[in-house]
Amino acid sequence: MKVLLLGTAGQLGRCVQDALRDGPAQLVPLTRHDLDLTDPAQLRAAFDQHRPDMVINAAAYNAVDRAETEAESAHQVNAQVPAQLAQLCVSRDAYLIHFSTDYVFDGQPQMGGAPYTEQALTHPLSVYGASKLAGEQAVLTSACRASVIRTSWLFSEYGTNFVKTMLRLANAVDPIQVVTDQRGCPTYAGDLAQVVKRLVAWDSSIAGPRPTGLFHYAGDTVISWYDFAQAIVASADAHGLLRQRPTLVPIKAAEFQSPALRPAYSALDSSLLTQELGVPASDWQRALLLVLARLKADRR
C-alpha cells in the first residue's frame, strides 16, 4: 500500500514517519518544498504521479494568533486544501486521514463538566478554529472514505510546542507567567501517530472496512496550562535540563492579551476512538518523561 504523507516537517508529520518507518506501507513523505498544497494543479499532479492508496494530511496553518490577520491564508490551508484532498481521494478511491482541533469549540462547560464528544455542538472563537471546522466539514460531507481526528495541545520532541517553549523560557526568564483558566488535554504526537499506524495497518479482510467519520483523540486527563507547565518544569529539573528552576506565576487568559480567543475548556473525550481501534487515550505524563529524556540525549 502506498501512503502519501503531507506536512512531514511538523511535529505530527515527523512522529508519523517514525511510527511508519518499519511498517509494510510504502510511505511517500512530501514537504512544502516538494509540493505547494495551495496549488490545485500541483496537488492533482502529485496524485497522478504517486497514485496513493491512502493520504495522511498532517499539514495545517496553525499560527493561532497570526490567523486573526491572515484569515485568507488560514482558510486556504485549513479548509480549501482538505476539500480538494477529499475530492482527489474520491476520484482515486483513496482513504484520507485528516486532523482537526479542539479549537472548534467555544469552551462553554458541558453538562456535568464532561469532555467534548464528537456529537457536541461546535462554535469556534477564532479564525483558526473556524478554518479548521470548515476543513473537517468539507471532508466529512464529501463522498471520501475518511477519518477526521480532532486532537488537542500536541507536544513532542519535534518542532515547536508548549513543552519546548517552557524549556526555552525556563532557561531564560524568571518568573514565567502561565495561564491557569484554560483547561484541556495534553496529547503526545507520538501517541497520535500510533493511531495513524493502526489505521494504516488495518486488515479489512479480518476487521471489516476501515473506520470512517469524526473521532477525538487526546490526553487522558484534564489540566490547565499552568498545571502542564508545573509538570514540565518539575520533570525537566529532575532530568537536569534546567540551569535553575524558575518561578511559575498563574495568570488569567485575559491578562495574556493574545489576539485570538481560546476556549476556556476544550477537553476531548477519546472513548469512541478507543472503542473503534483499541487505542487508549494519550498518557501525557508518561510521554512527557519520554520527550524530556530524548531532548536530554540530543543535547549530549
C-alpha atoms as a PDB file:
ATOM      1  CA  MET A   1       0.000   0.000   0.000  1.00  0.00           C
ATOM      2  CA  LYS A   2       1.294   3.452  -0.906  1.00  0.00           C
ATOM      3  CA  VAL A   3       0.720   6.223   1.650  1.00  0.00           C
ATOM      4  CA  LEU A   4       1.127   9.904   0.825  1.00  0.00           C
ATOM      5  CA  LEU A   5       2.105  11.981   3.884  1.00  0.00           C
ATOM      6  CA  LEU A   6       1.606  15.738   3.751  1.00  0.00           C
ATOM      7  CA  GLY A   7       3.042  18.078   6.360  1.00  0.00           C
ATOM      8  CA  THR A   8       6.100  15.953   7.014  1.00  0.00           C
ATOM      9  CA  ALA A   9       8.171  18.704   8.633  1.00  0.00           C
ATOM     10  CA  GLY A  10       5.759  19.359  11.509  1.00  0.00           C
ATOM     11  CA  GLN A  11       5.848  17.516  14.815  1.00  0.00           C
ATOM     12  CA  LEU A  12       2.933  15.238  13.912  1.00  0.00           C
ATOM     13  CA  GLY A  13       4.349  14.535  10.470  1.00  0.00           C
ATOM     14  CA  ARG A  14       7.710  13.579  11.950  1.00  0.00           C
ATOM     15  CA  CYS A  15       6.091  11.330  14.550  1.00  0.00           C
ATOM     16  CA  VAL A  16       4.042   9.635  11.825  1.00  0.00           C
ATOM     17  CA  GLN A  17       7.233   8.989   9.863  1.00  0.00           C
ATOM     18  CA  ASP A  18       8.782   7.408  12.960  1.00  0.00           C
ATOM     19  CA  ALA A  19       5.713   5.224  13.511  1.00  0.00           C
ATOM     20  CA  LEU A  20       5.511   4.013   9.901  1.00  0.00           C
ATOM     21  CA  ARG A  21       9.234   3.701   9.193  1.00  0.00           C
ATOM     22  CA  ASP A  22       9.425  -0.076   9.664  1.00  0.00           C
ATOM     23  CA  GLY A  23       5.921  -0.917   8.513  1.00  0.00           C
ATOM     24  CA  PRO A  24       4.820  -2.622   5.316  1.00  0.00           C
ATOM     25  CA  ALA A  25       3.348   0.535   3.761  1.00  0.00           C
ATOM     26  CA  GLN A  26       5.335   2.452   1.166  1.00  0.00           C
ATOM     27  CA  LEU A  27       5.476   5.940   2.666  1.00  0.00           C
ATOM     28  CA  VAL A  28       5.853   8.952   0.387  1.00  0.00           C
ATOM     29  CA  PRO A  29       6.596  11.993   2.589  1.00  0.00           C
ATOM     30  CA  LEU A  30       6.203  15.358   0.866  1.00  0.00           C
ATOM     31  CA  THR A  31       7.316  18.706   2.320  1.00  0.00           C
ATOM     32  CA  ARG A  32       6.208  22.186   1.293  1.00  0.00           C
ATOM     33  CA  HIS A  33       9.340  22.300  -0.863  1.00  0.00           C
ATOM     34  CA  ASP A  34       8.144  19.222  -2.762  1.00  0.00           C
ATOM     35  CA  LEU A  35       4.557  20.330  -3.119  1.00  0.00           C
ATOM     36  CA  ASP A  36       2.621  23.581  -2.747  1.00  0.00           C
ATOM     37  CA  LEU A  37      -0.617  22.327  -1.235  1.00  0.00           C
ATOM     38  CA  THR A  38      -2.397  25.550  -2.133  1.00  0.00           C
ATOM     39  CA  ASP A  39      -1.788  24.950  -5.852  1.00  0.00           C
ATOM     40  CA  PRO A  40      -4.588  22.663  -7.129  1.00  0.00           C
ATOM     41  CA  ALA A  41      -2.591  21.728 -10.230  1.00  0.00           C
ATOM     42  CA  GLN A  42       0.359  20.567  -8.123  1.00  0.00           C
ATOM     43  CA  LEU A  43      -1.947  18.541  -5.895  1.00  0.00           C
ATOM     44  CA  ARG A  44      -3.504  16.773  -8.868  1.00  0.00           C
ATOM     45  CA  ALA A  45      -0.058  16.129 -10.331  1.00  0.00           C
ATOM     46  CA  ALA A  46       1.125  14.613  -7.034  1.00  0.00           C
ATOM     47  CA  PHE A  47      -1.850  12.233  -7.015  1.00  0.00           C
ATOM     48  CA  ASP A  48      -1.235  11.305 -10.659  1.00  0.00           C
ATOM     49  CA  GLN A  49       2.457  10.678 -10.011  1.00  0.00           C
ATOM     50  CA  HIS A  50       2.223   8.705  -6.770  1.00  0.00           C
ATOM     51  CA  ARG A  51      -1.240   7.100  -7.049  1.00  0.00           C
ATOM     52  CA  PRO A  52      -1.676   6.765  -3.282  1.00  0.00           C
ATOM     53  CA  ASP A  53      -3.979   4.266  -1.601  1.00  0.00           C
ATOM     54  CA  MET A  54      -4.068   6.494   1.487  1.00  0.00           C
ATOM     55  CA  VAL A  55      -3.374  10.155   2.203  1.00  0.00           C
ATOM     56  CA  ILE A  56      -2.398  11.469   5.640  1.00  0.00           C
ATOM     57  CA  ASN A  57      -2.866  15.226   5.883  1.00  0.00           C
ATOM     58  CA  ALA A  58      -0.723  16.446   8.767  1.00  0.00           C
ATOM     59  CA  ALA A  59      -0.313  19.867   7.148  1.00  0.00           C
ATOM     60  CA  ALA A  60      -2.046  22.863   8.693  1.00  0.00           C
ATOM     61  CA  TYR A  61      -1.898  26.596   9.199  1.00  0.00           C
ATOM     62  CA  ASN A  62      -1.615  26.523  12.989  1.00  0.00           C
ATOM     63  CA  ALA A  63      -0.364  30.005  13.887  1.00  0.00           C
ATOM     64  CA  VAL A  64      -3.450  30.689  16.003  1.00  0.00           C
ATOM     65  CA  ASP A  65      -2.818  34.364  16.724  1.00  0.00           C
ATOM     66  CA  ARG A  66      -1.440  35.281  13.310  1.00  0.00           C
ATOM     67  CA  ALA A  67      -4.506  33.742  11.669  1.00  0.00           C
ATOM     68  CA  GLU A  68      -6.571  36.646  13.017  1.00  0.00           C
ATOM     69  CA  THR A  69      -4.877  38.912  10.471  1.00  0.00           C
ATOM     70  CA  GLU A  70      -4.172  36.218   7.862  1.00  0.00           C
ATOM     71  CA  ALA A  71      -7.634  34.714   7.628  1.00  0.00           C
ATOM     72  CA  GLU A  72      -7.408  34.059   3.882  1.00  0.00           C
ATOM     73  CA  SER A  73      -4.193  32.052   4.261  1.00  0.00           C
ATOM     74  CA  ALA A  74      -5.603  30.104   7.209  1.00  0.00           C
ATOM     75  CA  HIS A  75      -8.759  29.159   5.325  1.00  0.00           C
ATOM     76  CA  GLN A  76      -6.805  28.285   2.202  1.00  0.00           C
ATOM     77  CA  VAL A  77      -4.627  25.744   4.022  1.00  0.00           C
ATOM     78  CA  ASN A  78      -7.084  24.536   6.667  1.00  0.00           C
ATOM     79  CA  ALA A  79     -10.320  24.475   4.652  1.00  0.00           C
ATOM     80  CA  GLN A  80      -9.739  24.630   0.901  1.00  0.00           C
ATOM     81  CA  VAL A  81      -6.846  22.154   0.799  1.00  0.00           C
ATOM     82  CA  PRO A  82      -8.721  19.435   2.770  1.00  0.00           C
ATOM     83  CA  ALA A  83     -11.729  19.935   0.497  1.00  0.00           C
ATOM     84  CA  GLN A  84      -9.610  19.338  -2.584  1.00  0.00           C
ATOM     85  CA  LEU A  85      -7.824  16.394  -0.976  1.00  0.00           C
ATOM     86  CA  ALA A  86     -11.177  14.784  -0.270  1.00  0.00           C
ATOM     87  CA  GLN A  87     -12.280  15.178  -3.891  1.00  0.00           C
ATOM     88  CA  LEU A  88      -8.998  13.801  -5.201  1.00  0.00           C
ATOM     89  CA  CYS A  89      -9.260  10.843  -2.832  1.00  0.00           C
ATOM     90  CA  VAL A  90     -12.779  10.157  -4.108  1.00  0.00           C
ATOM     91  CA  SER A  91     -11.608  10.163  -7.711  1.00  0.00           C
ATOM     92  CA  ARG A  92      -8.693   7.824  -6.888  1.00  0.00           C
ATOM     93  CA  ASP A  93     -10.567   5.669  -4.333  1.00  0.00           C
ATOM     94  CA  ALA A  94      -8.002   6.602  -1.680  1.00  0.00           C
ATOM     95  CA  TYR A  95      -8.590   6.761   2.070  1.00  0.00           C
ATOM     96  CA  LEU A  96      -7.937  10.082   3.819  1.00  0.00           C
ATOM     97  CA  ILE A  97      -6.794  10.765   7.380  1.00  0.00           C
ATOM     98  CA  HIS A  98      -7.258  14.425   8.295  1.00  0.00           C
ATOM     99  CA  PHE A  99      -6.645  16.196  11.605  1.00  0.00           C
ATOM    100  CA  SER A 100      -8.659  18.900  13.308  1.00  0.00           C
ATOM    101  CA  THR A 101      -8.584  20.670  16.647  1.00  0.00           C
ATOM    102  CA  ASP A 102     -10.247  21.275  19.995  1.00  0.00           C
ATOM    103  CA  TYR A 103     -10.454  24.949  18.997  1.00  0.00           C
ATOM    104  CA  VAL A 104     -13.649  24.205  17.053  1.00  0.00           C
ATOM    105  CA  PHE A 105     -15.366  24.508  20.471  1.00  0.00           C
ATOM    106  CA  ASP A 106     -16.113  27.665  22.438  1.00  0.00           C
ATOM    107  CA  GLY A 107     -15.146  26.326  25.834  1.00  0.00           C
ATOM    108  CA  GLN A 108     -18.543  26.591  27.450  1.00  0.00           C
ATOM    109  CA  PRO A 109     -18.921  23.936  30.178  1.00  0.00           C
ATOM    110  CA  GLN A 110     -20.573  20.702  29.121  1.00  0.00           C
ATOM    111  CA  MET A 111     -23.227  19.031  31.230  1.00  0.00           C
ATOM    112  CA  GLY A 112     -21.505  17.838  34.370  1.00  0.00           C
ATOM    113  CA  GLY A 113     -18.209  19.281  33.140  1.00  0.00           C
ATOM    114  CA  ALA A 114     -17.680  16.299  30.846  1.00  0.00           C
ATOM    115  CA  PRO A 115     -15.170  16.422  27.967  1.00  0.00           C
ATOM    116  CA  TYR A 116     -16.490  17.144  24.497  1.00  0.00           C
ATOM    117  CA  THR A 117     -17.719  14.180  22.483  1.00  0.00           C
ATOM    118  CA  GLU A 118     -17.887  14.072  18.707  1.00  0.00           C
ATOM    119  CA  GLN A 119     -21.591  14.983  18.875  1.00  0.00           C
ATOM    120  CA  ALA A 120     -21.038  18.230  20.831  1.00  0.00           C
ATOM    121  CA  LEU A 121     -22.032  21.484  19.137  1.00  0.00           C
ATOM    122  CA  THR A 122     -19.146  23.432  17.630  1.00  0.00           C
ATOM    123  CA  HIS A 123     -18.681  27.177  17.943  1.00  0.00           C
ATOM    124  CA  PRO A 124     -15.126  28.339  17.244  1.00  0.00           C
ATOM    125  CA  LEU A 125     -13.934  31.588  18.807  1.00  0.00           C
ATOM    126  CA  SER A 126     -11.032  32.249  16.447  1.00  0.00           C
ATOM    127  CA  VAL A 127     -10.233  32.390  12.748  1.00  0.00           C
ATOM    128  CA  TYR A 128      -8.012  29.360  13.226  1.00  0.00           C
ATOM    129  CA  GLY A 129     -10.817  27.368  14.840  1.00  0.00           C
ATOM    130  CA  ALA A 130     -13.291  28.413  12.145  1.00  0.00           C
ATOM    131  CA  SER A 131     -10.886  27.453   9.358  1.00  0.00           C
ATOM    132  CA  LYS A 132     -10.267  24.023  10.884  1.00  0.00           C
ATOM    133  CA  LEU A 133     -14.001  23.457  11.332  1.00  0.00           C
ATOM    134  CA  ALA A 134     -14.589  24.330   7.684  1.00  0.00           C
ATOM    135  CA  GLY A 135     -11.887  21.844   6.676  1.00  0.00           C
ATOM    136  CA  GLU A 136     -13.276  18.950   8.686  1.00  0.00           C
ATOM    137  CA  GLN A 137     -16.809  19.659   7.412  1.00  0.00           C
ATOM    138  CA  ALA A 138     -15.558  19.660   3.819  1.00  0.00           C
ATOM    139  CA  VAL A 139     -14.049  16.222   4.313  1.00  0.00           C
ATOM    140  CA  LEU A 140     -16.964  14.741   6.260  1.00  0.00           C
ATOM    141  CA  THR A 141     -19.630  15.956   3.809  1.00  0.00           C
ATOM    142  CA  SER A 142     -17.738  14.628   0.786  1.00  0.00           C
ATOM    143  CA  ALA A 143     -18.033  11.107  -0.565  1.00  0.00           C
ATOM    144  CA  CYS A 144     -14.488  10.396   0.579  1.00  0.00           C
ATOM    145  CA  ARG A 145     -13.635   7.415   2.788  1.00  0.00           C
ATOM    146  CA  ALA A 146     -12.043   9.370   5.600  1.00  0.00           C
ATOM    147  CA  SER A 147     -11.269   9.627   9.275  1.00  0.00           C
ATOM    148  CA  VAL A 148     -11.176  13.132  10.720  1.00  0.00           C
ATOM    149  CA  ILE A 149      -9.392  13.164  14.078  1.00  0.00           C
ATOM    150  CA  ARG A 150      -9.679  16.132  16.406  1.00  0.00           C
ATOM    151  CA  THR A 151      -6.811  16.452  18.839  1.00  0.00           C
ATOM    152  CA  SER A 152      -5.516  18.979  21.359  1.00  0.00           C
ATOM    153  CA  TRP A 153      -2.424  20.503  22.952  1.00  0.00           C
ATOM    154  CA  LEU A 154       0.039  18.451  20.886  1.00  0.00           C
ATOM    155  CA  PHE A 155       3.617  18.137  22.111  1.00  0.00           C
ATOM    156  CA  SER A 156       6.645  16.050  21.185  1.00  0.00           C
ATOM    157  CA  GLU A 157      10.402  16.145  20.884  1.00  0.00           C
ATOM    158  CA  TYR A 158       9.970  17.731  17.449  1.00  0.00           C
ATOM    159  CA  GLY A 159       9.023  21.150  16.169  1.00  0.00           C
ATOM    160  CA  THR A 160       7.558  23.978  18.217  1.00  0.00           C
ATOM    161  CA  ASN A 161       5.233  23.154  21.097  1.00  0.00           C
ATOM    162  CA  PHE A 162       4.424  24.083  24.694  1.00  0.00           C
ATOM    163  CA  VAL A 163       6.925  21.681  26.251  1.00  0.00           C
ATOM    164  CA  LYS A 164       9.844  23.021  24.239  1.00  0.00           C
ATOM    165  CA  THR A 165       8.690  26.611  24.738  1.00  0.00           C
ATOM    166  CA  MET A 166       8.605  26.102  28.501  1.00  0.00           C
ATOM    167  CA  LEU A 167      12.125  24.638  28.463  1.00  0.00           C
ATOM    168  CA  ARG A 168      13.380  27.635  26.487  1.00  0.00           C
ATOM    169  CA  LEU A 169      11.686  30.120  28.803  1.00  0.00           C
ATOM    170  CA  ALA A 170      12.785  28.256  31.925  1.00  0.00           C
ATOM    171  CA  ASN A 171      16.412  28.827  30.974  1.00  0.00           C
ATOM    172  CA  ALA A 172      15.889  32.468  30.033  1.00  0.00           C
ATOM    173  CA  VAL A 173      13.070  34.022  32.071  1.00  0.00           C
ATOM    174  CA  ASP A 174      12.163  34.109  35.743  1.00  0.00           C
ATOM    175  CA  PRO A 175       9.380  34.330  36.714  1.00  0.00           C
ATOM    176  CA  ILE A 176       7.262  32.816  33.924  1.00  0.00           C
ATOM    177  CA  GLN A 177       3.602  33.741  33.623  1.00  0.00           C
ATOM    178  CA  VAL A 178       1.312  30.855  32.620  1.00  0.00           C
ATOM    179  CA  VAL A 179      -2.436  30.863  32.005  1.00  0.00           C
ATOM    180  CA  THR A 180      -4.392  28.992  34.641  1.00  0.00           C
ATOM    181  CA  ASP A 181      -8.006  29.391  33.449  1.00  0.00           C
ATOM    182  CA  GLN A 182      -7.771  27.403  30.205  1.00  0.00           C
ATOM    183  CA  ARG A 183      -8.140  23.648  30.614  1.00  0.00           C
ATOM    184  CA  GLY A 184      -7.651  20.839  28.145  1.00  0.00           C
ATOM    185  CA  CYS A 185      -5.874  17.553  27.450  1.00  0.00           C
ATOM    186  CA  PRO A 186      -2.163  17.479  26.519  1.00  0.00           C
ATOM    187  CA  THR A 187      -1.557  14.922  23.782  1.00  0.00           C
ATOM    188  CA  TYR A 188       1.702  13.314  22.738  1.00  0.00           C
ATOM    189  CA  ALA A 189       2.048  13.477  18.962  1.00  0.00           C
ATOM    190  CA  GLY A 190       3.766  10.094  19.051  1.00  0.00           C
ATOM    191  CA  ASP A 191       0.644   8.535  20.563  1.00  0.00           C
ATOM    192  CA  LEU A 192      -1.496  10.109  17.856  1.00  0.00           C
ATOM    193  CA  ALA A 193       0.940   8.686  15.303  1.00  0.00           C
ATOM    194  CA  GLN A 194       0.229   5.233  16.733  1.00  0.00           C
ATOM    195  CA  VAL A 195      -3.459   5.808  15.959  1.00  0.00           C
ATOM    196  CA  VAL A 196      -2.436   6.572  12.386  1.00  0.00           C
ATOM    197  CA  LYS A 197      -0.311   3.426  12.315  1.00  0.00           C
ATOM    198  CA  ARG A 198      -3.293   1.361  13.430  1.00  0.00           C
ATOM    199  CA  LEU A 199      -5.405   2.794  10.601  1.00  0.00           C
ATOM    200  CA  VAL A 200      -2.653   2.203   8.046  1.00  0.00           C
ATOM    201  CA  ALA A 201      -2.194  -1.402   9.161  1.00  0.00           C
ATOM    202  CA  TRP A 202      -5.946  -2.090   9.277  1.00  0.00           C
ATOM    203  CA  ASP A 203      -6.762  -5.507   7.809  1.00  0.00           C
ATOM    204  CA  SER A 204     -10.147  -5.164   6.140  1.00  0.00           C
ATOM    205  CA  SER A 205     -10.345  -8.888   5.474  1.00  0.00           C
ATOM    206  CA  ILE A 206     -10.399  -9.517   9.227  1.00  0.00           C
ATOM    207  CA  ALA A 207     -11.860  -6.376  10.812  1.00  0.00           C
ATOM    208  CA  GLY A 208     -14.057  -5.098   8.001  1.00  0.00           C
ATOM    209  CA  PRO A 209     -13.779  -1.651   6.370  1.00  0.00           C
ATOM    210  CA  ARG A 210     -11.537   0.952   7.950  1.00  0.00           C
ATOM    211  CA  PRO A 211     -13.382   3.203  10.378  1.00  0.00           C
ATOM    212  CA  THR A 212     -14.655   6.430   8.871  1.00  0.00           C
ATOM    213  CA  GLY A 213     -16.138   9.590  10.332  1.00  0.00           C
ATOM    214  CA  LEU A 214     -15.259  12.011  13.104  1.00  0.00           C
ATOM    215  CA  PHE A 215     -13.164  10.990  16.111  1.00  0.00           C
ATOM    216  CA  HIS A 216     -11.475  12.606  19.094  1.00  0.00           C
ATOM    217  CA  TYR A 217      -8.021  11.665  20.330  1.00  0.00           C
ATOM    218  CA  ALA A 218      -6.333  13.462  23.210  1.00  0.00           C
ATOM    219  CA  GLY A 219      -4.698  13.052  26.591  1.00  0.00           C
ATOM    220  CA  ASP A 220      -6.225  11.031  29.392  1.00  0.00           C
ATOM    221  CA  THR A 221      -6.543  13.843  31.952  1.00  0.00           C
ATOM    222  CA  VAL A 222      -7.852  17.413  32.010  1.00  0.00           C
ATOM    223  CA  ILE A 223      -5.441  20.051  33.292  1.00  0.00           C
ATOM    224  CA  SER A 224      -4.673  23.758  32.878  1.00  0.00           C
ATOM    225  CA  TRP A 225      -1.717  25.232  31.008  1.00  0.00           C
ATOM    226  CA  TYR A 226      -0.357  26.192  34.430  1.00  0.00           C
ATOM    227  CA  ASP A 227      -0.658  22.579  35.652  1.00  0.00           C
ATOM    228  CA  PHE A 228       1.082  21.400  32.500  1.00  0.00           C
ATOM    229  CA  ALA A 229       3.860  23.948  32.961  1.00  0.00           C
ATOM    230  CA  GLN A 230       4.399  22.809  36.542  1.00  0.00           C
ATOM    231  CA  ALA A 231       4.761  19.210  35.403  1.00  0.00           C
ATOM    232  CA  ILE A 232       7.176  20.193  32.639  1.00  0.00           C
ATOM    233  CA  VAL A 233       9.392  22.281  34.902  1.00  0.00           C
ATOM    234  CA  ALA A 234       9.476  19.681  37.676  1.00  0.00           C
ATOM    235  CA  SER A 235      10.343  16.850  35.285  1.00  0.00           C
ATOM    236  CA  ALA A 236      12.858  18.932  33.336  1.00  0.00           C
ATOM    237  CA  ASP A 237      14.571  19.899  36.577  1.00  0.00           C
ATOM    238  CA  ALA A 238      14.768  16.232  37.571  1.00  0.00           C
ATOM    239  CA  HIS A 239      16.289  15.438  34.164  1.00  0.00           C
ATOM    240  CA  GLY A 240      18.950  18.125  34.597  1.00  0.00           C
ATOM    241  CA  LEU A 241      17.635  20.182  31.682  1.00  0.00           C
ATOM    242  CA  LEU A 242      17.361  23.470  33.604  1.00  0.00           C
ATOM    243  CA  ARG A 243      20.129  25.809  34.737  1.00  0.00           C
ATOM    244  CA  GLN A 244      17.830  26.856  37.564  1.00  0.00           C
ATOM    245  CA  ARG A 245      14.225  26.138  38.407  1.00  0.00           C
ATOM    246  CA  PRO A 246      12.078  29.181  37.557  1.00  0.00           C
ATOM    247  CA  THR A 247       9.069  30.503  39.435  1.00  0.00           C
ATOM    248  CA  LEU A 248       5.742  29.961  37.686  1.00  0.00           C
ATOM    249  CA  VAL A 249       3.145  32.692  38.147  1.00  0.00           C
ATOM    250  CA  PRO A 250      -0.503  31.838  37.407  1.00  0.00           C
ATOM    251  CA  ILE A 251      -2.390  34.452  35.395  1.00  0.00           C
ATOM    252  CA  LYS A 252      -5.799  34.709  33.752  1.00  0.00           C
ATOM    253  CA  ALA A 253      -6.116  34.401  29.980  1.00  0.00           C
ATOM    254  CA  ALA A 254      -7.435  37.966  29.812  1.00  0.00           C
ATOM    255  CA  GLU A 255      -4.127  39.204  31.226  1.00  0.00           C
ATOM    256  CA  PHE A 256      -2.185  37.451  28.476  1.00  0.00           C
ATOM    257  CA  GLN A 257      -3.954  39.565  25.824  1.00  0.00           C
ATOM    258  CA  SER A 258      -3.422  37.282  22.843  1.00  0.00           C
ATOM    259  CA  PRO A 259      -5.034  38.347  19.533  1.00  0.00           C
ATOM    260  CA  ALA A 260      -7.088  35.134  19.207  1.00  0.00           C
ATOM    261  CA  LEU A 261      -9.649  33.971  21.736  1.00  0.00           C
ATOM    262  CA  ARG A 262      -9.123  30.441  23.005  1.00  0.00           C
ATOM    263  CA  PRO A 263     -11.678  28.115  24.613  1.00  0.00           C
ATOM    264  CA  ALA A 264     -11.510  28.118  28.400  1.00  0.00           C
ATOM    265  CA  TYR A 265     -12.327  24.404  28.400  1.00  0.00           C
ATOM    266  CA  SER A 266     -11.563  22.141  25.453  1.00  0.00           C
ATOM    267  CA  ALA A 267     -11.098  18.643  26.855  1.00  0.00           C
ATOM    268  CA  LEU A 268     -11.834  15.907  24.320  1.00  0.00           C
ATOM    269  CA  ASP A 269     -13.430  12.533  25.025  1.00  0.00           C
ATOM    270  CA  SER A 270     -11.379   9.840  23.239  1.00  0.00           C
ATOM    271  CA  SER A 271     -13.601   6.896  24.138  1.00  0.00           C
ATOM    272  CA  LEU A 272     -15.132   6.416  20.671  1.00  0.00           C
ATOM    273  CA  LEU A 273     -11.730   6.034  19.023  1.00  0.00           C
ATOM    274  CA  THR A 274     -10.608   3.723  21.815  1.00  0.00           C
ATOM    275  CA  GLN A 275     -13.679   1.597  21.157  1.00  0.00           C
ATOM    276  CA  GLU A 276     -13.126   1.537  17.390  1.00  0.00           C
ATOM    277  CA  LEU A 277      -9.361   0.979  17.341  1.00  0.00           C
ATOM    278  CA  GLY A 278      -8.495  -0.322  20.789  1.00  0.00           C
ATOM    279  CA  VAL A 279      -6.041   2.550  21.291  1.00  0.00           C
ATOM    280  CA  PRO A 280      -6.035   4.137  24.765  1.00  0.00           C
ATOM    281  CA  ALA A 281      -6.104   7.891  25.265  1.00  0.00           C
ATOM    282  CA  SER A 282      -2.682   9.520  25.285  1.00  0.00           C
ATOM    283  CA  ASP A 283      -0.775   9.063  28.539  1.00  0.00           C
ATOM    284  CA  TRP A 284       0.765  12.532  28.514  1.00  0.00           C
ATOM    285  CA  GLN A 285       2.639  12.081  31.811  1.00  0.00           C
ATOM    286  CA  ARG A 286       4.499   9.009  30.532  1.00  0.00           C
ATOM    287  CA  ALA A 287       5.094  10.744  27.218  1.00  0.00           C
ATOM    288  CA  LEU A 288       6.451  13.893  28.880  1.00  0.00           C
ATOM    289  CA  LEU A 289       9.186  11.864  30.565  1.00  0.00           C
ATOM    290  CA  LEU A 290       9.975  10.177  27.244  1.00  0.00           C
ATOM    291  CA  VAL A 291      10.190  13.503  25.412  1.00  0.00           C
ATOM    292  CA  LEU A 292      12.425  15.069  28.063  1.00  0.00           C
ATOM    293  CA  ALA A 293      14.733  12.045  28.025  1.00  0.00           C
ATOM    294  CA  ARG A 294      15.072  12.316  24.246  1.00  0.00           C
ATOM    295  CA  LEU A 295      15.704  16.062  24.387  1.00  0.00           C
ATOM    296  CA  LYS A 296      18.396  15.469  27.000  1.00  0.00           C
ATOM    297  CA  ALA A 297      20.024  12.811  24.836  1.00  0.00           C
ATOM    298  CA  ASP A 298      20.027  15.214  21.877  1.00  0.00           C
ATOM    299  CA  ARG A 299      21.973  17.766  23.919  1.00  0.00           C
ATOM    300  CA  ARG A 300      24.878  15.399  24.521  1.00  0.00           C
END
